């Protein structure tokens, strides 16, 4: 009976910490704290919790673009997915991989396109969606981390996921491995590559890329995943690996912080927003400290279970 009680307490602590003090880039339902964070299962289709930050942006109930949860109130995506105003029937679907099943839906409060977005060159192809109501984080709904460096050699094990945008789009989230390539190599095939864009190579024959969706990469030994790029445009060639052009998220961190602050709902990397008025509940240092305390309590509980 005591063993069961301790197990329940440990589970409760873990759940409360995740909801109140979410740490970005983790996948608690997909890998344990003992794993490295670099593992993505083989296969074409994503498992539940494998990409808990990935969302489906829909119009009239149909998938039009991918996006990423960066906090409880903010979704990061591409500007070319939209006209100047939010479609009246726009919804953001979170927390699942199978769009044929009932999933949690959120209505947008406002849409922010980059003020210098150019539909011809696709320069500054980045947008933010402010949700009307906050996402309550769970094992299937986790914010992604934003990158802390531009250097593409820093990132490892990069993946992309999506439902596709054609009539034959899969209703189950698909995934594919991608490799970041140097700007010099990319310019040989895509001379119109603009500043603040990245180039990544998709394996031959792979599909499932979403406009507006994230390119996520791991960093060395950590379990965390970072959104390095936003899918903007790319080649479509079945005979050789495709080159996808992505917006460099690192280049727009300042823009993201400024735009979210202007709207009174400032973005913080831990994804902690005050659900009532958008003011910061805890500072970054305080949030990290509380989350560390939660982990410590969980660790003590697990040790107690093992000793019994």
Protein backbone atom coordinates (compact mmCIF):
# COMPACT_ATOMS: atom_id res chain seq x y z
CA UNK A 1 0.00 0.00 0.00
CA UNK A 2 2.86 2.38 0.87
CA UNK A 3 4.59 1.52 -2.41
CA UNK A 4 1.46 2.39 -4.37
CA UNK A 5 1.06 5.65 -2.45
CA UNK A 6 4.65 6.73 -3.16
CA UNK A 7 4.24 5.87 -6.82
CA UNK A 8 1.07 7.97 -7.03
CA UNK A 9 2.81 10.88 -5.26
CA UNK A 10 5.73 10.72 -7.72
CA UNK A 11 3.35 10.74 -10.68
CA UNK A 12 1.41 13.65 -9.20
CA UNK A 13 4.58 15.70 -8.62
CA UNK A 14 5.71 15.06 -12.19
CA UNK A 15 2.35 16.10 -13.64
CA UNK A 16 2.01 19.25 -11.52
CA UNK A 17 5.55 20.38 -12.36
CA UNK A 18 4.94 19.84 -16.06
CA UNK A 19 1.72 21.86 -16.10
CA UNK A 20 2.82 24.73 -13.86
CA UNK A 21 6.48 24.99 -14.83
CA UNK A 22 6.93 23.48 -18.30
CA UNK A 23 10.47 23.13 -19.57
CA UNK A 24 10.81 23.57 -23.30
CA UNK A 25 11.97 20.95 -25.75
CA UNK A 26 11.33 17.85 -23.65
CA UNK A 27 9.23 14.79 -24.52
CA UNK A 28 8.26 13.22 -21.18
CA UNK A 29 5.82 10.68 -22.60
CA UNK A 30 8.27 9.59 -25.26
CA UNK A 31 11.62 9.24 -23.52
CA UNK A 32 12.75 8.96 -19.94
CA UNK A 33 15.13 11.23 -18.05
CA UNK A 34 17.78 8.52 -18.45
CA UNK A 35 17.90 8.82 -22.24
CA UNK A 36 19.93 11.27 -24.29
CA UNK A 37 17.19 13.07 -26.16
CA UNK A 38 18.60 12.15 -29.56
CA UNK A 39 16.30 9.23 -30.25
CA UNK A 40 13.62 9.35 -32.92
CA UNK A 41 12.03 6.00 -33.73
CA UNK A 42 12.46 4.51 -37.16
CA UNK A 43 9.50 4.59 -39.50
CA UNK A 44 7.47 7.09 -41.44
CA UNK A 45 4.81 8.02 -38.91
CA UNK A 46 5.35 9.96 -35.70
CA UNK A 47 4.50 8.38 -32.36
CA UNK A 48 2.32 10.08 -29.77
CA UNK A 49 4.45 12.58 -27.85
CA UNK A 50 7.33 12.42 -30.32
CA UNK A 51 6.72 16.00 -31.53
CA UNK A 52 4.56 17.48 -28.73
CA UNK A 53 5.16 21.06 -29.94
CA UNK A 54 3.86 20.46 -33.48
CA UNK A 55 0.43 21.91 -34.31
CA UNK A 56 -1.93 21.83 -37.26
CA UNK A 57 -3.19 25.21 -38.46
CA UNK A 58 -6.56 24.67 -40.11
CA UNK A 59 -9.08 26.64 -42.12
CA UNK A 60 -12.62 25.34 -42.51
CA UNK A 61 -11.52 22.15 -40.77
CA UNK A 62 -8.74 21.42 -43.27
CA UNK A 63 -5.01 21.43 -42.58
CA UNK A 64 -3.24 24.32 -44.32
CA UNK A 65 0.07 24.73 -42.48
CA UNK A 66 2.15 23.50 -39.60
CA UNK A 67 3.24 25.53 -36.60
CA UNK A 68 5.03 25.28 -33.30
CA UNK A 69 4.05 25.88 -29.68
CA UNK A 70 6.61 28.28 -28.21
CA UNK A 71 4.57 29.20 -25.13
CA UNK A 72 1.11 28.73 -23.68
CA UNK A 73 -0.25 31.58 -25.80
CA UNK A 74 2.01 31.78 -28.85
CA UNK A 75 2.34 29.72 -32.05
CA UNK A 76 5.27 30.24 -34.43
CA UNK A 77 4.70 29.63 -38.15
CA UNK A 78 5.32 31.03 -41.65
CA UNK A 79 3.83 34.28 -42.97
CA UNK A 80 3.13 32.88 -46.46
CA UNK A 81 0.43 30.63 -44.97
CA UNK A 82 -1.91 33.60 -44.60
CA UNK A 83 -3.35 36.68 -46.22
CA UNK A 84 -3.16 39.93 -44.27
CA UNK A 85 -5.95 39.02 -41.84
CA UNK A 86 -6.87 35.98 -39.80
CA UNK A 87 -9.44 33.83 -41.67
CA UNK A 88 -12.68 33.77 -39.65
CA UNK A 89 -12.63 29.97 -39.50
CA UNK A 90 -8.95 29.57 -38.51
CA UNK A 91 -8.17 27.09 -35.73
CA UNK A 92 -5.00 25.69 -34.18
CA UNK A 93 -5.13 21.98 -33.36
CA UNK A 94 -2.76 20.74 -30.63
CA UNK A 95 -1.90 17.63 -28.69
CA UNK A 96 -2.08 14.82 -31.23
CA UNK A 97 -0.74 13.17 -34.36
CA UNK A 98 -3.94 11.83 -35.97
CA UNK A 99 -6.14 14.57 -37.41
CA UNK A 100 -8.99 12.13 -38.04
CA UNK A 101 -9.55 11.95 -34.27
CA UNK A 102 -11.07 14.65 -32.05
CA UNK A 103 -8.24 16.88 -30.81
CA UNK A 104 -7.94 20.05 -28.74
CA UNK A 105 -8.67 23.18 -30.78
CA UNK A 106 -7.77 26.80 -30.08
CA UNK A 107 -9.08 29.94 -31.71
CA UNK A 108 -6.61 32.72 -32.59
CA UNK A 109 -6.88 36.13 -31.02
CA UNK A 110 -4.64 37.80 -33.57
CA UNK A 111 -2.15 37.12 -36.34
CA UNK A 112 1.19 38.92 -36.65
CA UNK A 113 3.02 38.77 -39.98
CA UNK A 114 6.54 40.15 -40.19
CA UNK A 115 6.26 43.76 -41.32
CA UNK A 116 8.89 43.21 -44.05
CA UNK A 117 7.61 39.90 -45.37
CA UNK A 118 8.05 39.70 -49.17
CA UNK A 119 5.89 37.14 -50.96
CA UNK A 120 8.13 37.21 -54.03
CA UNK A 121 11.49 36.57 -52.38
CA UNK A 122 9.97 34.90 -49.28
CA UNK A 123 12.28 37.03 -47.16
CA UNK A 124 11.11 37.40 -43.54
CA UNK A 125 8.63 34.54 -43.95
CA UNK A 126 7.70 34.36 -40.28
CA UNK A 127 4.48 34.88 -38.34
CA UNK A 128 3.06 34.57 -34.84
CA UNK A 129 -0.42 33.52 -33.75
CA UNK A 130 -1.71 34.74 -30.40
CA UNK A 131 -4.25 32.27 -29.02
CA UNK A 132 -7.50 33.37 -27.39
CA UNK A 133 -6.99 30.89 -24.56
CA UNK A 134 -3.76 29.36 -23.23
CA UNK A 135 -2.68 25.80 -23.86
CA UNK A 136 -2.60 23.68 -20.72
CA UNK A 137 0.62 21.74 -21.06
CA UNK A 138 0.71 17.96 -20.75
CA UNK A 139 2.92 15.14 -21.98
CA UNK A 140 1.46 15.64 -25.47
CA UNK A 141 1.63 19.47 -25.42
CA UNK A 142 5.09 20.93 -24.74
CA UNK A 143 6.68 24.18 -25.99
CA UNK A 144 9.79 23.92 -28.17
CA UNK A 145 13.06 25.62 -27.24
CA UNK A 146 14.37 28.43 -29.41
CA UNK A 147 17.98 28.21 -30.64
CA UNK A 148 20.77 29.96 -28.76
CA UNK A 149 23.29 30.05 -31.64
CA UNK A 150 23.26 30.45 -35.43
CA UNK A 151 26.09 28.04 -36.29
CA UNK A 152 24.56 25.05 -38.12
CA UNK A 153 27.41 22.78 -36.99
CA UNK A 154 26.09 23.03 -33.42
CA UNK A 155 22.95 21.06 -34.19
CA UNK A 156 22.58 17.30 -34.44
CA UNK A 157 19.89 14.79 -35.36
CA UNK A 158 17.59 17.20 -37.20
CA UNK A 159 14.04 16.17 -38.05
CA UNK A 160 11.02 17.60 -39.76
CA UNK A 161 7.40 16.53 -39.47
CA UNK A 162 4.11 17.33 -41.12
CA UNK A 163 0.74 16.26 -42.42
CA UNK A 164 1.40 17.61 -45.92
CA UNK A 165 -0.61 20.18 -47.84
CA UNK A 166 -1.87 18.27 -50.89
CA UNK A 167 -5.19 16.48 -51.44
CA UNK A 168 -3.42 13.24 -50.58
CA UNK A 169 -2.17 14.58 -47.26
CA UNK A 170 -1.86 12.05 -44.49
CA UNK A 171 -4.12 12.48 -41.49
CA UNK A 172 -1.31 11.00 -39.36
CA UNK A 173 1.78 13.10 -38.65
CA UNK A 174 4.76 11.99 -40.75
CA UNK A 175 8.42 12.61 -40.07
CA UNK A 176 11.67 12.70 -42.00
CA UNK A 177 15.32 13.19 -41.18
CA UNK A 178 16.97 16.32 -42.54
CA UNK A 179 20.55 17.51 -42.79
CA UNK A 180 21.53 21.16 -42.47
CA UNK A 181 23.93 22.15 -45.24
CA UNK A 182 26.25 25.11 -45.63
CA UNK A 183 25.13 28.31 -47.28
CA UNK A 184 27.88 27.94 -49.88
CA UNK A 185 26.70 24.48 -50.91
CA UNK A 186 23.08 25.58 -51.06
CA UNK A 187 23.84 28.62 -53.23
CA UNK A 188 25.15 26.29 -55.94
CA UNK A 189 21.62 24.94 -56.44
CA UNK A 190 19.51 27.82 -55.11
CA UNK A 191 21.20 31.13 -56.00
CA UNK A 192 18.19 33.15 -54.80
CA UNK A 193 18.85 32.18 -51.19
CA UNK A 194 18.25 35.26 -49.03
CA UNK A 195 19.85 36.36 -45.79
CA UNK A 196 18.34 34.88 -42.62
CA UNK A 197 17.49 31.69 -44.52
CA UNK A 198 18.82 28.20 -43.89
CA UNK A 199 19.11 25.28 -46.25
CA UNK A 200 18.46 21.65 -45.35
CA UNK A 201 18.52 18.47 -47.38
CA UNK A 202 15.57 16.08 -47.30
CA UNK A 203 16.33 12.47 -48.14
CA UNK A 204 15.35 11.29 -51.62
CA UNK A 205 11.68 10.41 -51.92
CA UNK A 206 10.76 11.76 -48.48
CA UNK A 207 7.56 13.77 -48.07
CA UNK A 208 5.41 15.06 -45.21
CA UNK A 209 6.90 18.56 -45.01
CA UNK A 210 4.52 21.25 -43.75
CA UNK A 211 4.82 24.89 -44.72
CA UNK A 212 5.22 26.78 -41.46
CA UNK A 213 6.30 23.66 -39.60
CA UNK A 214 9.51 23.41 -37.59
CA UNK A 215 12.90 21.90 -38.26
CA UNK A 216 13.93 20.61 -34.83
CA UNK A 217 17.40 19.49 -33.80
CA UNK A 218 18.99 18.11 -30.67
CA UNK A 219 22.05 19.52 -28.98
CA UNK A 220 24.80 17.17 -27.86
CA UNK A 221 23.92 15.17 -24.76
CA UNK A 222 20.82 17.04 -23.70
CA UNK A 223 17.31 15.71 -23.95
CA UNK A 224 16.13 19.06 -25.29
CA UNK A 225 15.03 19.84 -28.83
CA UNK A 226 15.36 23.25 -30.48
CA UNK A 227 13.49 24.80 -33.39
CA UNK A 228 16.29 25.83 -35.71
CA UNK A 229 14.13 26.69 -38.73
CA UNK A 230 10.63 27.33 -40.09
CA UNK A 231 9.75 25.60 -43.37
CA UNK A 232 9.33 28.28 -46.05
CA UNK A 233 9.76 26.78 -49.51
CA UNK A 234 11.81 24.20 -51.38
CA UNK A 235 12.47 21.99 -54.36
CA UNK A 236 10.25 19.13 -55.48
CA UNK A 237 12.44 16.54 -57.14
CA UNK A 238 11.96 12.79 -56.95
CA UNK A 239 15.29 11.96 -58.57
CA UNK A 240 17.60 13.48 -55.96
CA UNK A 241 17.44 14.82 -52.41
CA UNK A 242 15.27 17.91 -52.06
CA UNK A 243 16.59 21.14 -50.64
CA UNK A 244 14.18 22.82 -48.24
CA UNK A 245 14.58 26.51 -47.49
CA UNK A 246 13.91 27.51 -43.91
CA UNK A 247 13.70 30.75 -42.02
CA UNK A 248 16.43 30.94 -39.37
CA UNK A 249 14.61 31.19 -36.04
CA UNK A 250 17.75 32.43 -34.31
CA UNK A 251 17.79 35.48 -36.59
CA UNK A 252 14.30 36.48 -35.43
CA UNK A 253 14.48 35.97 -31.67
CA UNK A 254 14.51 39.72 -31.12
CA UNK A 255 11.50 40.19 -33.40
CA UNK A 256 9.58 37.48 -31.53
CA UNK A 257 10.33 39.01 -28.13
CA UNK A 258 9.43 42.52 -29.31
CA UNK A 259 6.15 41.59 -31.01
CA UNK A 260 4.90 39.46 -28.13
CA UNK A 261 5.75 42.21 -25.63
CA UNK A 262 3.93 44.84 -27.70
CA UNK A 263 0.77 42.71 -27.51
CA UNK A 264 1.05 42.57 -23.72
CA UNK A 265 1.73 38.81 -23.75
CA UNK A 266 5.53 38.65 -23.54
CA UNK A 267 7.23 35.47 -24.66
CA UNK A 268 9.65 33.69 -22.33
CA UNK A 269 11.60 30.66 -23.37
CA UNK A 270 10.19 28.50 -20.56
CA UNK A 271 6.69 29.10 -21.95
CA UNK A 272 5.31 30.40 -18.66
CA UNK A 273 2.56 32.97 -19.16
CA UNK A 274 0.07 34.40 -16.71
CA UNK A 275 -3.17 32.98 -18.06
CA UNK A 276 -5.14 35.99 -16.87
CA UNK A 277 -3.25 38.97 -18.20
CA UNK A 278 -0.05 37.78 -19.88
CA UNK A 279 2.30 39.19 -17.25
CA UNK A 280 5.24 37.12 -16.15
CA UNK A 281 4.51 34.87 -13.22
CA UNK A 282 8.11 33.95 -12.47
CA UNK A 283 11.43 35.19 -13.75
CA UNK A 284 13.49 32.79 -15.85
CA UNK A 285 15.81 32.03 -12.95
CA UNK A 286 12.89 31.46 -10.57
CA UNK A 287 11.17 29.18 -13.05
CA UNK A 288 14.30 27.07 -13.49
CA UNK A 289 14.74 26.89 -9.70
CA UNK A 290 11.17 25.73 -9.11
CA UNK A 291 11.41 23.15 -11.88
CA UNK A 292 14.66 21.89 -10.36
CA UNK A 293 12.91 21.55 -7.00
CA UNK A 294 10.15 19.56 -8.69
CA UNK A 295 12.71 17.23 -10.25
CA UNK A 296 14.42 16.80 -6.87
CA UNK A 297 11.15 15.84 -5.19
CA UNK A 298 10.43 13.39 -7.98
CA UNK A 299 13.93 11.90 -7.69
CA UNK A 300 13.56 11.45 -3.91
CA UNK A 301 10.18 9.77 -4.42
CA UNK A 302 11.63 7.35 -6.98
CA UNK A 303 14.56 6.49 -4.69
CA UNK A 304 12.12 5.80 -1.85
CA UNK A 305 10.16 3.45 -4.09
CA UNK A 306 13.33 1.53 -5.03
CA UNK A 307 14.37 1.15 -1.38
CA UNK A 308 11.06 -0.43 -0.37
